[in-house]
Structures are given as C-alpha cells and as structure tokens.
Amino acid sequence: MFKSLICVAILAAATASAQEWDVGITGGFAMANDLTVKNGANSANAGFKNGAVFGVYAGQDMYRYWSGEANYLYRRSDLKMEGNGKSSTLDGHTHLITGDILAHFRPRGARIRPFVSFGGGIKLMVGTGNEGIQPLGNTLAALTATNETMPVGEVGAGVKIQLSKMVRLRLQVRDFISGKPNDVISTVPGATMSGFSNDILGTVSLGLTW
C-alpha cells in the first residue's frame, strides 16, 4: 500500500512538472463591421468604431499540442450611426471575457509554435456619456448610455515565440462573433437591424512561462 502511494505521488509530480503555465498582458487594435438598420425607405449603418484593445490572459499547456486559457480584453468601442447624410456617435467600451482552446502545430517545448484557437464567453457592451440629440434617433435607432451583455464566440490564429526560458511573445488575430445589440443600439418601433457583429482583433502579447 505504501509503495503504491509513493508511485501515485511520483506520477502526479511528473504530470505537474510536464505542464506549463503562461500568464501575460495583451495590447492591440480592433476593427468591427457595420450593421444595417432599416425602416421603410430609410436606412443607416450602425455599429462600433475601431479602437485600441488591452487585456490579460492566463493559460496552461496541459498536453503536447493542446492548451487552454482564460482571457480578459478591454476594447475601446465608441458607438456610431451613419445614414441619409446624417450621423451620430456616443462614447463606449466593450469587455470580452472568454475561455479558449489552443491547438498547436508544433509540440510543447518548441521555440516557435503556430496555433489556431477557438472558444467563447461573454461580451459586455457599455455606452457612456451624454446621449444628446441624435438625428436618426426618431426614425431608425438611438445610441444609448446603457449596457448590454450577450454570448460571444471566438476563432483565431497566431504564433508563439519563446524569447527566453521564461519570456514568450505572441502574435494573434481573433474574430469575436456575436449577435446584433438591442439595447446599446436601440431601434425605434417598425425599424429592424440585421447582421452579425464581427470584432477582428490583432494583438501582441508578452507572457511569463514556467
């Protein structure tokens, strides 16, 4: 019995030492597509302006080619609406919280590791500031100083580069896919909004590994 416990302890220690942790910071830039708002013959494009992205992540290489991680990203995302020669804007930002799976094309321990990622989580959109007078607010939709949470999916690709024993550089492009907002961009009765929201993020990350 005692020998069995020793064997189990040795096996657990070996498994733990084979795993690798990765914690770091992220910065980059985000671009989003426009959604279409229609009400009879009137139409406009609505959505979020391009903006800077900052965040943190923590992950673990549990297997030779697979790893998992948790991500938090803050995206500067002012709201906008343009159509019929009129436009309006409102300050805003977005919080992205996701759990991701990474599939690597080279094994753990390689200096350069290309990978693809996929996952999902939540997207919290926040409108801030003074709503003011919006030229399209009575005929199509209004940009509102409120907040809205919805599920989000993520797919991406990138490469990890081990700069030293404990420092890792990561370059990554991700697409965060979600439905159309209903609160921060609020359509008037009779108007409809179509399309899916695609947030394309290009980021650079610097992490510590051990």
Protein backbone atom coordinates (compact mmCIF):
# COMPACT_ATOMS: atom_id res chain seq x y z
CA MET A 1 0.00 0.00 0.00
CA PHE A 2 2.78 2.44 0.95
CA LYS A 3 4.67 1.68 -2.27
CA SER A 4 1.51 2.32 -4.28
CA LEU A 5 1.07 5.73 -2.65
CA ILE A 6 4.68 6.61 -3.48
CA CYS A 7 4.14 5.60 -7.11
CA VAL A 8 0.99 7.73 -7.31
CA ALA A 9 2.81 10.73 -5.80
CA ILE A 10 5.71 10.36 -8.23
CA LEU A 11 3.31 10.11 -11.18
CA ALA A 12 1.39 13.20 -10.04
CA ALA A 13 4.60 15.17 -9.62
CA ALA A 14 5.79 14.11 -13.07
CA THR A 15 2.46 15.17 -14.61
CA ALA A 16 2.56 18.54 -12.85
CA SER A 17 6.14 19.21 -13.97
CA ALA A 18 5.18 18.38 -17.56
CA GLN A 19 2.52 21.09 -17.57
CA GLU A 20 3.50 24.65 -18.41
CA TRP A 21 1.83 27.85 -17.19
CA ASP A 22 1.62 31.03 -19.25
CA VAL A 23 0.49 34.43 -17.85
CA GLY A 24 0.75 37.70 -19.71
CA ILE A 25 -0.52 41.05 -20.95
CA THR A 26 -2.04 41.90 -24.33
CA GLY A 27 -2.35 45.02 -26.48
CA GLY A 28 -3.59 45.68 -29.99
CA PHE A 29 -6.24 47.13 -32.27
CA ALA A 30 -9.82 46.12 -33.13
CA MET A 31 -11.98 46.64 -36.21
CA ALA A 32 -15.70 45.90 -36.48
CA ASN A 33 -18.17 45.51 -39.31
CA ASP A 34 -21.30 47.65 -39.64
CA LEU A 35 -24.86 46.50 -39.03
CA THR A 36 -27.76 47.70 -41.20
CA VAL A 37 -30.78 49.46 -39.72
CA LYS A 38 -33.86 49.88 -41.93
CA ASN A 39 -37.25 51.49 -41.53
CA GLY A 40 -39.18 51.68 -44.76
CA ALA A 41 -37.15 53.64 -47.30
CA ASN A 42 -34.75 54.91 -44.62
CA SER A 43 -31.57 53.01 -43.79
CA ALA A 44 -28.29 53.56 -41.96
CA ASN A 45 -25.15 51.76 -40.88
CA ALA A 46 -24.67 51.29 -37.15
CA GLY A 47 -22.01 49.69 -35.01
CA PHE A 48 -18.77 50.35 -33.18
CA LYS A 49 -15.76 52.41 -34.15
CA ASN A 50 -12.30 50.89 -34.44
CA GLY A 51 -10.28 51.17 -31.23
CA ALA A 52 -7.43 50.05 -29.03
CA VAL A 53 -7.51 46.79 -27.06
CA PHE A 54 -5.81 45.90 -23.76
CA GLY A 55 -6.03 42.79 -21.63
CA VAL A 56 -4.57 39.92 -19.65
CA TYR A 57 -4.57 36.15 -20.00
CA ALA A 58 -3.61 33.03 -18.05
CA GLY A 59 -3.22 29.58 -19.55
CA GLN A 60 -1.78 26.13 -19.15
CA ASP A 61 -0.18 23.71 -21.63
CA MET A 62 -1.77 20.52 -20.36
CA TYR A 63 -0.94 18.35 -23.37
CA ARG A 64 1.73 18.16 -26.04
CA TYR A 65 -0.26 20.00 -28.70
CA TRP A 66 -3.24 21.40 -26.77
CA SER A 67 -3.60 24.14 -24.20
CA GLY A 68 -6.37 26.11 -22.52
CA GLU A 69 -6.55 29.65 -21.23
CA ALA A 70 -8.78 32.40 -19.86
CA ASN A 71 -8.79 35.86 -21.46
CA TYR A 72 -9.99 39.32 -20.48
CA LEU A 73 -9.91 42.14 -23.05
CA TYR A 74 -10.96 45.78 -22.76
CA ARG A 75 -11.85 47.30 -26.11
CA ARG A 76 -12.38 50.99 -26.76
CA SER A 77 -15.56 50.91 -28.88
CA ASP A 78 -17.44 54.17 -29.37
CA LEU A 79 -20.87 53.69 -30.90
CA LYS A 80 -21.72 55.20 -34.29
CA MET A 81 -24.59 55.56 -36.77
CA GLU A 82 -24.44 57.00 -40.28
CA GLY A 83 -27.09 57.31 -42.98
CA ASN A 84 -29.16 59.70 -45.09
CA GLY A 85 -26.39 62.28 -44.81
CA LYS A 86 -26.65 62.29 -41.00
CA SER A 87 -24.51 60.78 -38.28
CA SER A 88 -24.25 60.41 -34.51
CA THR A 89 -21.71 58.99 -32.05
CA LEU A 90 -21.56 58.04 -28.39
CA ASP A 91 -18.62 57.11 -26.18
CA GLY A 92 -18.45 53.43 -25.34
CA HIS A 93 -16.30 50.43 -24.49
CA THR A 94 -16.57 46.65 -24.50
CA HIS A 95 -15.41 43.95 -22.09
CA LEU A 96 -14.63 40.50 -23.56
CA ILE A 97 -14.27 37.54 -21.18
CA THR A 98 -13.60 34.17 -22.83
CA GLY A 99 -12.27 30.69 -22.27
CA ASP A 100 -10.21 29.42 -25.22
CA ILE A 101 -8.71 26.18 -26.51
CA LEU A 102 -5.46 26.40 -28.49
CA ALA A 103 -4.37 23.71 -30.95
CA HIS A 104 -0.65 23.97 -31.78
CA PHE A 105 1.11 22.74 -34.91
CA ARG A 106 4.37 22.07 -33.06
CA PRO A 107 4.80 20.27 -29.72
CA ARG A 108 5.24 21.86 -26.33
CA GLY A 109 8.86 22.91 -25.87
CA ALA A 110 9.38 24.10 -29.46
CA ARG A 111 10.67 27.67 -29.72
CA ILE A 112 8.16 28.70 -32.42
CA ARG A 113 4.60 27.32 -32.20
CA PRO A 114 1.92 28.33 -34.72
CA PHE A 115 -1.59 27.66 -33.45
CA VAL A 116 -5.31 28.10 -34.03
CA SER A 117 -7.75 28.99 -31.27
CA PHE A 118 -11.45 28.70 -30.61
CA GLY A 119 -13.67 29.39 -27.64
CA GLY A 120 -16.42 31.55 -26.25
CA GLY A 121 -17.71 33.58 -23.36
CA ILE A 122 -19.49 36.86 -22.77
CA LYS A 123 -19.37 40.32 -24.31
CA LEU A 124 -20.38 43.32 -22.21
CA MET A 125 -21.03 46.49 -24.26
CA VAL A 126 -21.26 49.79 -22.40
CA GLY A 127 -22.44 53.13 -23.78
CA THR A 128 -21.26 56.15 -21.79
CA GLY A 129 -21.50 59.92 -21.90
CA ASN A 130 -24.32 62.22 -22.97
CA GLU A 131 -26.77 60.81 -25.50
CA GLY A 132 -27.65 64.31 -26.70
CA ILE A 133 -29.68 64.97 -29.85
CA GLN A 134 -29.36 62.18 -32.42
CA PRO A 135 -30.60 62.99 -35.95
CA LEU A 136 -31.51 59.34 -36.64
CA GLY A 137 -32.86 58.60 -33.16
CA ASN A 138 -36.53 59.15 -34.05
CA THR A 139 -36.60 57.37 -37.42
CA LEU A 140 -34.14 54.44 -37.15
CA ALA A 141 -32.29 53.83 -33.88
CA ALA A 142 -30.72 55.59 -30.90
CA LEU A 143 -27.29 55.11 -29.35
CA THR A 144 -27.92 54.72 -25.63
CA ALA A 145 -25.88 55.23 -22.47
CA THR A 146 -26.66 51.79 -21.09
CA ASN A 147 -25.05 48.35 -21.06
CA GLU A 148 -25.80 45.01 -22.66
CA THR A 149 -24.40 41.50 -22.22
CA MET A 150 -24.52 38.73 -24.79
CA PRO A 151 -22.71 35.47 -25.61
CA VAL A 152 -19.73 35.64 -27.95
CA GLY A 153 -17.80 33.03 -29.91
CA GLU A 154 -14.14 33.31 -30.89
CA VAL A 155 -11.89 31.85 -33.59
CA GLY A 156 -8.33 32.87 -34.32
CA ALA A 157 -4.80 32.01 -35.33
CA GLY A 158 -1.35 33.09 -34.25
CA VAL A 159 2.18 32.14 -33.32
CA LYS A 160 4.04 31.86 -30.02
CA ILE A 161 7.78 32.65 -29.94
CA GLN A 162 9.84 31.69 -26.91
CA LEU A 163 12.28 34.60 -26.42
CA SER A 164 13.96 33.10 -23.37
CA LYS A 165 13.35 30.39 -20.81
CA MET A 166 10.60 32.40 -19.10
CA VAL A 167 9.56 35.07 -21.64
CA ARG A 168 7.19 34.40 -24.55
CA LEU A 169 5.99 36.67 -27.37
CA ARG A 170 2.65 36.01 -29.06
CA LEU A 171 1.17 37.46 -32.25
CA GLN A 172 -2.51 36.69 -32.80
CA VAL A 173 -5.56 37.60 -34.88
CA ARG A 174 -9.02 36.77 -33.50
CA ASP A 175 -12.60 37.18 -34.66
CA PHE A 176 -15.16 37.65 -31.89
CA ILE A 177 -18.60 36.81 -33.29
CA SER A 178 -21.87 37.81 -31.64
CA GLY A 179 -25.43 38.77 -32.46
CA LYS A 180 -26.70 42.29 -33.01
CA PRO A 181 -27.16 44.52 -29.95
CA ASN A 182 -30.68 45.51 -28.90
CA ASP A 183 -30.08 47.94 -26.03
CA VAL A 184 -26.93 50.00 -26.67
CA ILE A 185 -28.24 50.47 -30.23
CA SER A 186 -31.99 50.63 -29.74
CA THR A 187 -34.19 50.57 -32.85
CA VAL A 188 -37.43 52.54 -32.96
CA PRO A 189 -40.77 50.72 -33.45
CA GLY A 190 -41.03 49.48 -37.02
CA ALA A 191 -37.26 49.55 -37.66
CA THR A 192 -35.14 46.40 -37.98
CA MET A 193 -31.43 45.77 -37.59
CA SER A 194 -29.71 42.96 -39.49
CA GLY A 195 -26.32 41.30 -39.48
CA PHE A 196 -23.86 39.72 -37.07
CA SER A 197 -21.19 41.59 -35.16
CA ASN A 198 -17.61 40.65 -36.07
CA ASP A 199 -14.86 42.17 -33.97
CA ILE A 200 -11.49 41.49 -35.63
CA LEU A 201 -8.65 41.92 -33.14
CA GLY A 202 -4.95 41.97 -33.96
CA THR A 203 -2.90 41.67 -30.78
CA VAL A 204 0.63 41.35 -29.45
CA SER A 205 1.14 39.63 -26.09
CA LEU A 206 4.10 39.25 -23.77
CA GLY A 207 3.97 36.50 -21.19
CA LEU A 208 5.86 34.70 -18.46
CA THR A 209 6.14 30.90 -18.65
CA TRP A 210 7.20 28.32 -16.11
